[in-house]
Amino acid sequence: MAEQALSTKPLNANDSIDKELDVRGLVCPLPILRTKQSLAAMTSGQTLRIIATDPASAIDFQVFSEQTGNKLLSLSQTTGEFIFVLKKK
């Protein structure tokens, strides 16, 4: 299966990832809870890349972004994995 963008804004070459979180194999609500914990340890403006396998995470992270004010910079899907990039508010 080829990479398929769901609703993504590509990152620029200048954009950097400050932290990465692997939540593969976890299902709702654990990916969001682990993301909250990671963001709490970060400073405003830093970026977090999350790799998940839960199909519900595509919607979960969009809603999480809207509810918390953390900006969803990127959302993409590769074979069996969803990759999100959030910017801490």
PDB file of N, CA and C in Angstrom:
ATOM      1  N   MET A   1       0.848  -1.176   0.000  1.00  0.00           N
ATOM      2  CA  MET A   1       0.000   0.000   0.000  1.00  0.00           C
ATOM      3  C   MET A   1       0.894   1.240   0.000  1.00  0.00           C
ATOM      4  N   ALA A   2       0.617   2.155  -0.879  1.00  0.00           N
ATOM      5  CA  ALA A   2       1.409   3.390  -0.973  1.00  0.00           C
ATOM      6  C   ALA A   2       1.002   4.354   0.123  1.00  0.00           C
ATOM      7  N   GLU A   3       1.885   5.321   0.393  1.00  0.00           N
ATOM      8  CA  GLU A   3       1.567   6.331   1.397  1.00  0.00           C
ATOM      9  C   GLU A   3       0.379   7.144   0.925  1.00  0.00           C
ATOM     10  N   GLN A   4      -0.554   7.385   1.820  1.00  0.00           N
ATOM     11  CA  GLN A   4      -1.774   8.103   1.498  1.00  0.00           C
ATOM     12  C   GLN A   4      -1.949   9.226   2.506  1.00  0.00           C
ATOM     13  N   ALA A   5      -2.065  10.439   2.015  1.00  0.00           N
ATOM     14  CA  ALA A   5      -2.287  11.573   2.905  1.00  0.00           C
ATOM     15  C   ALA A   5      -3.767  11.664   3.228  1.00  0.00           C
ATOM     16  N   LEU A   6      -4.105  11.845   4.488  1.00  0.00           N
ATOM     17  CA  LEU A   6      -5.495  11.964   4.899  1.00  0.00           C
ATOM     18  C   LEU A   6      -5.935  13.425   4.874  1.00  0.00           C
ATOM     19  N   SER A   7      -5.285  14.269   5.595  1.00  0.00           N
ATOM     20  CA  SER A   7      -5.517  15.712   5.551  1.00  0.00           C
ATOM     21  C   SER A   7      -4.254  16.323   6.128  1.00  0.00           C
ATOM     22  N   THR A   8      -3.306  16.485   5.287  1.00  0.00           N
ATOM     23  CA  THR A   8      -1.980  16.823   5.781  1.00  0.00           C
ATOM     24  C   THR A   8      -1.470  18.132   5.205  1.00  0.00           C
ATOM     25  N   LYS A   9      -0.695  18.804   5.988  1.00  0.00           N
ATOM     26  CA  LYS A   9       0.052  19.967   5.535  1.00  0.00           C
ATOM     27  C   LYS A   9       1.502  19.532   5.606  1.00  0.00           C
ATOM     28  N   PRO A  10       2.188  19.416   4.469  1.00  0.00           N
ATOM     29  CA  PRO A  10       3.563  18.914   4.518  1.00  0.00           C
ATOM     30  C   PRO A  10       4.477  19.805   5.347  1.00  0.00           C
ATOM     31  N   LEU A  11       5.391  19.168   6.022  1.00  0.00           N
ATOM     32  CA  LEU A  11       6.378  19.908   6.793  1.00  0.00           C
ATOM     33  C   LEU A  11       7.441  20.438   5.850  1.00  0.00           C
ATOM     34  N   ASN A  12       7.940  21.609   6.138  1.00  0.00           N
ATOM     35  CA  ASN A  12       9.026  22.189   5.354  1.00  0.00           C
ATOM     36  C   ASN A  12      10.349  21.574   5.777  1.00  0.00           C
ATOM     37  N   ALA A  13      11.345  21.723   4.933  1.00  0.00           N
ATOM     38  CA  ALA A  13      12.681  21.209   5.262  1.00  0.00           C
ATOM     39  C   ALA A  13      13.219  21.883   6.523  1.00  0.00           C
ATOM     40  N   ASN A  14      12.755  23.107   6.791  1.00  0.00           N
ATOM     41  CA  ASN A  14      13.219  23.843   7.959  1.00  0.00           C
ATOM     42  C   ASN A  14      12.539  23.392   9.252  1.00  0.00           C
ATOM     43  N   ASP A  15      11.428  22.698   9.135  1.00  0.00           N
ATOM     44  CA  ASP A  15      10.709  22.232  10.315  1.00  0.00           C
ATOM     45  C   ASP A  15      11.479  21.089  10.965  1.00  0.00           C
ATOM     46  N   SER A  16      11.522  21.104  12.281  1.00  0.00           N
ATOM     47  CA  SER A  16      12.216  20.036  12.991  1.00  0.00           C
ATOM     48  C   SER A  16      11.262  19.370  13.962  1.00  0.00           C
ATOM     49  N   ILE A  17      11.571  18.160  14.298  1.00  0.00           N
ATOM     50  CA  ILE A  17      10.807  17.399  15.271  1.00  0.00           C
ATOM     51  C   ILE A  17      11.614  17.404  16.564  1.00  0.00           C
ATOM     52  N   ASP A  18      10.990  17.858  17.643  1.00  0.00           N
ATOM     53  CA  ASP A  18      11.692  17.940  18.924  1.00  0.00           C
ATOM     54  C   ASP A  18      11.645  16.632  19.706  1.00  0.00           C
ATOM     55  N   LYS A  19      10.575  15.882  19.529  1.00  0.00           N
ATOM     56  CA  LYS A  19      10.412  14.635  20.292  1.00  0.00           C
ATOM     57  C   LYS A  19       9.553  13.684  19.464  1.00  0.00           C
ATOM     58  N   GLU A  20       9.803  12.393  19.636  1.00  0.00           N
ATOM     59  CA  GLU A  20       8.997  11.383  18.944  1.00  0.00           C
ATOM     60  C   GLU A  20       8.381  10.443  19.973  1.00  0.00           C
ATOM     61  N   LEU A  21       7.126  10.062  19.709  1.00  0.00           N
ATOM     62  CA  LEU A  21       6.385   9.178  20.609  1.00  0.00           C
ATOM     63  C   LEU A  21       5.850   7.998  19.803  1.00  0.00           C
ATOM     64  N   ASP A  22       6.198   6.793  20.216  1.00  0.00           N
ATOM     65  CA  ASP A  22       5.749   5.574  19.550  1.00  0.00           C
ATOM     66  C   ASP A  22       4.622   4.961  20.367  1.00  0.00           C
ATOM     67  N   VAL A  23       3.406   5.010  19.832  1.00  0.00           N
ATOM     68  CA  VAL A  23       2.253   4.412  20.515  1.00  0.00           C
ATOM     69  C   VAL A  23       1.655   3.283  19.674  1.00  0.00           C
ATOM     70  N   ARG A  24       2.488   2.688  18.831  1.00  0.00           N
ATOM     71  CA  ARG A  24       2.026   1.560  18.013  1.00  0.00           C
ATOM     72  C   ARG A  24       1.580   0.425  18.917  1.00  0.00           C
ATOM     73  N   GLY A  25       0.464  -0.192  18.554  1.00  0.00           N
ATOM     74  CA  GLY A  25      -0.062  -1.309  19.329  1.00  0.00           C
ATOM     75  C   GLY A  25      -1.017  -0.893  20.441  1.00  0.00           C
ATOM     76  N   LEU A  26      -1.067   0.388  20.754  1.00  0.00           N
ATOM     77  CA  LEU A  26      -1.984   0.876  21.795  1.00  0.00           C
ATOM     78  C   LEU A  26      -3.290   1.346  21.159  1.00  0.00           C
ATOM     79  N   VAL A  27      -4.385   1.189  21.893  1.00  0.00           N
ATOM     80  CA  VAL A  27      -5.690   1.632  21.397  1.00  0.00           C
ATOM     81  C   VAL A  27      -6.258   2.693  22.325  1.00  0.00           C
ATOM     82  N   CYS A  28      -7.244   3.387  21.821  1.00  0.00           N
ATOM     83  CA  CYS A  28      -7.902   4.482  22.531  1.00  0.00           C
ATOM     84  C   CYS A  28      -8.296   4.027  23.939  1.00  0.00           C
ATOM     85  N   PRO A  29      -8.001   4.834  24.923  1.00  0.00           N
ATOM     86  CA  PRO A  29      -7.528   6.217  24.916  1.00  0.00           C
ATOM     87  C   PRO A  29      -6.016   6.363  25.114  1.00  0.00           C
ATOM     88  N   LEU A  30      -5.271   5.254  25.127  1.00  0.00           N
ATOM     89  CA  LEU A  30      -3.850   5.316  25.482  1.00  0.00           C
ATOM     90  C   LEU A  30      -2.999   6.204  24.568  1.00  0.00           C
ATOM     91  N   PRO A  31      -3.172   6.200  23.235  1.00  0.00           N
ATOM     92  CA  PRO A  31      -2.347   7.104  22.424  1.00  0.00           C
ATOM     93  C   PRO A  31      -2.510   8.577  22.813  1.00  0.00           C
ATOM     94  N   ILE A  32      -3.743   8.994  23.095  1.00  0.00           N
ATOM     95  CA  ILE A  32      -3.996  10.383  23.494  1.00  0.00           C
ATOM     96  C   ILE A  32      -3.409  10.653  24.882  1.00  0.00           C
ATOM     97  N   LEU A  33      -3.586   9.726  25.806  1.00  0.00           N
ATOM     98  CA  LEU A  33      -3.044   9.916  27.161  1.00  0.00           C
ATOM     99  C   LEU A  33      -1.522  10.028  27.143  1.00  0.00           C
ATOM    100  N   ARG A  34      -0.859   9.184  26.366  1.00  0.00           N
ATOM    101  CA  ARG A  34       0.606   9.243  26.270  1.00  0.00           C
ATOM    102  C   ARG A  34       1.042  10.546  25.593  1.00  0.00           C
ATOM    103  N   THR A  35       0.248  10.996  24.629  1.00  0.00           N
ATOM    104  CA  THR A  35       0.553  12.266  23.959  1.00  0.00           C
ATOM    105  C   THR A  35       0.441  13.422  24.937  1.00  0.00           C
ATOM    106  N   LYS A  36      -0.612  13.425  25.758  1.00  0.00           N
ATOM    107  CA  LYS A  36      -0.772  14.477  26.773  1.00  0.00           C
ATOM    108  C   LYS A  36       0.438  14.510  27.703  1.00  0.00           C
ATOM    109  N   GLN A  37       0.896  13.339  28.138  1.00  0.00           N
ATOM    110  CA  GLN A  37       2.053  13.261  29.032  1.00  0.00           C
ATOM    111  C   GLN A  37       3.306  13.819  28.360  1.00  0.00           C
ATOM    112  N   SER A  38       3.513  13.468  27.113  1.00  0.00           N
ATOM    113  CA  SER A  38       4.691  13.956  26.389  1.00  0.00           C
ATOM    114  C   SER A  38       4.637  15.463  26.200  1.00  0.00           C
ATOM    115  N   LEU A  39       3.466  15.978  25.818  1.00  0.00           N
ATOM    116  CA  LEU A  39       3.324  17.420  25.608  1.00  0.00           C
ATOM    117  C   LEU A  39       3.533  18.192  26.913  1.00  0.00           C
ATOM    118  N   ALA A  40       3.122  17.619  28.026  1.00  0.00           N
ATOM    119  CA  ALA A  40       3.273  18.292  29.321  1.00  0.00           C
ATOM    120  C   ALA A  40       4.747  18.533  29.659  1.00  0.00           C
ATOM    121  N   ALA A  41       5.620  17.681  29.158  1.00  0.00           N
ATOM    122  CA  ALA A  41       7.047  17.806  29.436  1.00  0.00           C
ATOM    123  C   ALA A  41       7.768  18.681  28.405  1.00  0.00           C
ATOM    124  N   MET A  42       7.028  19.217  27.451  1.00  0.00           N
ATOM    125  CA  MET A  42       7.625  20.023  26.387  1.00  0.00           C
ATOM    126  C   MET A  42       7.307  21.504  26.599  1.00  0.00           C
ATOM    127  N   THR A  43       8.045  22.361  25.909  1.00  0.00           N
ATOM    128  CA  THR A  43       7.788  23.797  25.992  1.00  0.00           C
ATOM    129  C   THR A  43       6.970  24.254  24.787  1.00  0.00           C
ATOM    130  N   SER A  44       6.326  25.393  24.932  1.00  0.00           N
ATOM    131  CA  SER A  44       5.491  25.949  23.878  1.00  0.00           C
ATOM    132  C   SER A  44       6.284  26.109  22.582  1.00  0.00           C
ATOM    133  N   GLY A  45       5.670  25.685  21.476  1.00  0.00           N
ATOM    134  CA  GLY A  45       6.304  25.807  20.167  1.00  0.00           C
ATOM    135  C   GLY A  45       7.075  24.578  19.733  1.00  0.00           C
ATOM    136  N   GLN A  46       7.333  23.652  20.648  1.00  0.00           N
ATOM    137  CA  GLN A  46       8.043  22.428  20.274  1.00  0.00           C
ATOM    138  C   GLN A  46       7.099  21.494  19.518  1.00  0.00           C
ATOM    139  N   THR A  47       7.682  20.594  18.721  1.00  0.00           N
ATOM    140  CA  THR A  47       6.884  19.671  17.925  1.00  0.00           C
ATOM    141  C   THR A  47       7.076  18.232  18.394  1.00  0.00           C
ATOM    142  N   LEU A  48       5.996  17.486  18.301  1.00  0.00           N
ATOM    143  CA  LEU A  48       5.965  16.085  18.716  1.00  0.00           C
ATOM    144  C   LEU A  48       5.442  15.245  17.563  1.00  0.00           C
ATOM    145  N   ARG A  49       6.221  14.242  17.155  1.00  0.00           N
ATOM    146  CA  ARG A  49       5.766  13.292  16.128  1.00  0.00           C
ATOM    147  C   ARG A  49       5.264  12.049  16.846  1.00  0.00           C
ATOM    148  N   ILE A  50       4.046  11.630  16.494  1.00  0.00           N
ATOM    149  CA  ILE A  50       3.441  10.447  17.104  1.00  0.00           C
ATOM    150  C   ILE A  50       3.225   9.407  16.013  1.00  0.00           C
ATOM    151  N   ILE A  51       3.614   8.173  16.294  1.00  0.00           N
ATOM    152  CA  ILE A  51       3.385   7.061  15.373  1.00  0.00           C
ATOM    153  C   ILE A  51       2.416   6.113  16.049  1.00  0.00           C
ATOM    154  N   ALA A  52       1.252   5.904  15.401  1.00  0.00           N
ATOM    155  CA  ALA A  52       0.185   5.084  15.985  1.00  0.00           C
ATOM    156  C   ALA A  52      -0.306   4.055  14.976  1.00  0.00           C
ATOM    157  N   THR A  53      -0.951   3.015  15.488  1.00  0.00           N
ATOM    158  CA  THR A  53      -1.547   1.997  14.616  1.00  0.00           C
ATOM    159  C   THR A  53      -3.056   1.900  14.786  1.00  0.00           C
ATOM    160  N   ASP A  54      -3.605   2.536  15.795  1.00  0.00           N
ATOM    161  CA  ASP A  54      -5.044   2.491  16.051  1.00  0.00           C
ATOM    162  C   ASP A  54      -5.779   3.282  14.960  1.00  0.00           C
ATOM    163  N   PRO A  55      -6.651   2.631  14.169  1.00  0.00           N
ATOM    164  CA  PRO A  55      -7.369   3.332  13.097  1.00  0.00           C
ATOM    165  C   PRO A  55      -8.197   4.519  13.609  1.00  0.00           C
ATOM    166  N   ALA A  56      -8.656   4.462  14.845  1.00  0.00           N
ATOM    167  CA  ALA A  56      -9.453   5.554  15.407  1.00  0.00           C
ATOM    168  C   ALA A  56      -8.597   6.774  15.719  1.00  0.00           C
ATOM    169  N   SER A  57      -7.282   6.611  15.734  1.00  0.00           N
ATOM    170  CA  SER A  57      -6.413   7.721  16.106  1.00  0.00           C
ATOM    171  C   SER A  57      -6.490   8.885  15.123  1.00  0.00           C
ATOM    172  N   ALA A  58      -6.827   8.634  13.868  1.00  0.00           N
ATOM    173  CA  ALA A  58      -6.931   9.722  12.888  1.00  0.00           C
ATOM    174  C   ALA A  58      -7.951  10.758  13.349  1.00  0.00           C
ATOM    175  N   ILE A  59      -9.098  10.303  13.782  1.00  0.00           N
ATOM    176  CA  ILE A  59     -10.133  11.210  14.296  1.00  0.00           C
ATOM    177  C   ILE A  59      -9.749  11.718  15.685  1.00  0.00           C
ATOM    178  N   ASP A  60      -9.247  10.829  16.525  1.00  0.00           N
ATOM    179  CA  ASP A  60      -8.903  11.196  17.904  1.00  0.00           C
ATOM    180  C   ASP A  60      -7.920  12.365  17.954  1.00  0.00           C
ATOM    181  N   PHE A  61      -6.894  12.337  17.125  1.00  0.00           N
ATOM    182  CA  PHE A  61      -5.891  13.392  17.173  1.00  0.00           C
ATOM    183  C   PHE A  61      -6.404  14.704  16.592  1.00  0.00           C
ATOM    184  N   GLN A  62      -7.305  14.635  15.626  1.00  0.00           N
ATOM    185  CA  GLN A  62      -7.906  15.863  15.105  1.00  0.00           C
ATOM    186  C   GLN A  62      -8.759  16.530  16.184  1.00  0.00           C
ATOM    187  N   VAL A  63      -9.560  15.742  16.881  1.00  0.00           N
ATOM    188  CA  VAL A  63     -10.403  16.264  17.959  1.00  0.00           C
ATOM    189  C   VAL A  63      -9.531  16.770  19.111  1.00  0.00           C
ATOM    190  N   PHE A  64      -8.502  16.004  19.465  1.00  0.00           N
ATOM    191  CA  PHE A  64      -7.581  16.407  20.532  1.00  0.00           C
ATOM    192  C   PHE A  64      -6.963  17.771  20.219  1.00  0.00           C
ATOM    193  N   SER A  65      -6.544  17.953  18.999  1.00  0.00           N
ATOM    194  CA  SER A  65      -5.946  19.222  18.580  1.00  0.00           C
ATOM    195  C   SER A  65      -6.937  20.376  18.727  1.00  0.00           C
ATOM    196  N   GLU A  66      -8.144  20.168  18.265  1.00  0.00           N
ATOM    197  CA  GLU A  66      -9.174  21.214  18.366  1.00  0.00           C
ATOM    198  C   GLU A  66      -9.500  21.550  19.817  1.00  0.00           C
ATOM    199  N   GLN A  67      -9.587  20.538  20.661  1.00  0.00           N
ATOM    200  CA  GLN A  67      -9.988  20.746  22.052  1.00  0.00           C
ATOM    201  C   GLN A  67      -8.886  21.340  22.918  1.00  0.00           C
ATOM    202  N   THR A  68      -7.631  21.055  22.590  1.00  0.00           N
ATOM    203  CA  THR A  68      -6.536  21.505  23.446  1.00  0.00           C
ATOM    204  C   THR A  68      -5.809  22.739  22.921  1.00  0.00           C
ATOM    205  N   GLY A  69      -5.984  23.050  21.646  1.00  0.00           N
ATOM    206  CA  GLY A  69      -5.282  24.189  21.066  1.00  0.00           C
ATOM    207  C   GLY A  69      -3.879  23.857  20.578  1.00  0.00           C
ATOM    208  N   ASN A  70      -3.454  22.608  20.737  1.00  0.00           N
ATOM    209  CA  ASN A  70      -2.175  22.177  20.164  1.00  0.00           C
ATOM    210  C   ASN A  70      -2.400  21.968  18.667  1.00  0.00           C
ATOM    211  N   LYS A  71      -1.541  22.550  17.846  1.00  0.00           N
ATOM    212  CA  LYS A  71      -1.766  22.563  16.403  1.00  0.00           C
ATOM    213  C   LYS A  71      -1.340  21.254  15.751  1.00  0.00           C
ATOM    214  N   LEU A  72      -2.258  20.661  14.987  1.00  0.00           N
ATOM    215  CA  LEU A  72      -1.950  19.459  14.216  1.00  0.00           C
ATOM    216  C   LEU A  72      -1.302  19.909  12.914  1.00  0.00           C
ATOM    217  N   LEU A  73       0.013  19.782  12.823  1.00  0.00           N
ATOM    218  CA  LEU A  73       0.755  20.234  11.651  1.00  0.00           C
ATOM    219  C   LEU A  73       0.668  19.256  10.498  1.00  0.00           C
ATOM    220  N   SER A  74       0.602  17.967  10.828  1.00  0.00           N
ATOM    221  CA  SER A  74       0.654  16.945   9.790  1.00  0.00           C
ATOM    222  C   SER A  74      -0.054  15.688  10.263  1.00  0.00           C
ATOM    223  N   LEU A  75      -0.737  15.049   9.316  1.00  0.00           N
ATOM    224  CA  LEU A  75      -1.382  13.771   9.577  1.00  0.00           C
ATOM    225  C   LEU A  75      -1.252  12.967   8.297  1.00  0.00           C
ATOM    226  N   SER A  76      -0.598  11.823   8.372  1.00  0.00           N
ATOM    227  CA  SER A  76      -0.451  10.984   7.184  1.00  0.00           C
ATOM    228  C   SER A  76      -0.562   9.519   7.568  1.00  0.00           C
ATOM    229  N   GLN A  77      -0.768   8.705   6.548  1.00  0.00           N
ATOM    230  CA  GLN A  77      -0.911   7.270   6.781  1.00  0.00           C
ATOM    231  C   GLN A  77       0.003   6.519   5.847  1.00  0.00           C
ATOM    232  N   THR A  78       0.718   5.558   6.406  1.00  0.00           N
ATOM    233  CA  THR A  78       1.484   4.611   5.613  1.00  0.00           C
ATOM    234  C   THR A  78       0.898   3.239   5.933  1.00  0.00           C
ATOM    235  N   THR A  79       1.460   2.217   5.432  1.00  0.00           N
ATOM    236  CA  THR A  79       0.922   0.879   5.634  1.00  0.00           C
ATOM    237  C   THR A  79       0.728   0.566   7.113  1.00  0.00           C
ATOM    238  N   GLY A  80      -0.525   0.606   7.554  1.00  0.00           N
ATOM    239  CA  GLY A  80      -0.858   0.236   8.921  1.00  0.00           C
ATOM    240  C   GLY A  80      -0.444   1.216  10.006  1.00  0.00           C
ATOM    241  N   GLU A  81       0.126   2.350   9.629  1.00  0.00           N
ATOM    242  CA  GLU A  81       0.574   3.321  10.625  1.00  0.00           C
ATOM    243  C   GLU A  81       0.066   4.718  10.291  1.00  0.00           C
ATOM    244  N   PHE A  82      -0.222   5.461  11.342  1.00  0.00           N
ATOM    245  CA  PHE A  82      -0.621   6.859  11.225  1.00  0.00           C
ATOM    246  C   PHE A  82       0.484   7.689  11.857  1.00  0.00           C
ATOM    247  N   ILE A  83       0.852   8.763  11.187  1.00  0.00           N
ATOM    248  CA  ILE A  83       1.912   9.629  11.699  1.00  0.00           C
ATOM    249  C   ILE A  83       1.335  11.033  11.861  1.00  0.00           C
ATOM    250  N   PHE A  84       1.449  11.550  13.071  1.00  0.00           N
ATOM    251  CA  PHE A  84       0.931  12.870  13.405  1.00  0.00           C
ATOM    252  C   PHE A  84       2.093  13.733  13.854  1.00  0.00           C
ATOM    253  N   VAL A  85       1.998  15.033  13.545  1.00  0.00           N
ATOM    254  CA  VAL A  85       2.951  15.983  14.099  1.00  0.00           C
ATOM    255  C   VAL A  85       2.138  17.091  14.739  1.00  0.00           C
ATOM    256  N   LEU A  86       2.336  17.256  16.047  1.00  0.00           N
ATOM    257  CA  LEU A  86       1.650  18.291  16.816  1.00  0.00           C
ATOM    258  C   LEU A  86       2.648  19.343  17.256  1.00  0.00           C
ATOM    259  N   LYS A  87       2.181  20.582  17.278  1.00  0.00           N
ATOM    260  CA  LYS A  87       2.978  21.691  17.810  1.00  0.00           C
ATOM    261  C   LYS A  87       2.328  22.137  19.097  1.00  0.00           C
ATOM    262  N   LYS A  88       3.095  22.108  20.175  1.00  0.00           N
ATOM    263  CA  LYS A  88       2.546  22.483  21.492  1.00  0.00           C
ATOM    264  C   LYS A  88       2.185  23.958  21.516  1.00  0.00           C
ATOM    265  N   LYS A  89       0.998  24.230  22.068  1.00  0.00           N
ATOM    266  CA  LYS A  89       0.550  25.629  22.163  1.00  0.00           C
ATOM    267  C   LYS A  89       1.332  26.407  23.173  1.00  0.00           C
TER     268      LYS A  89
END
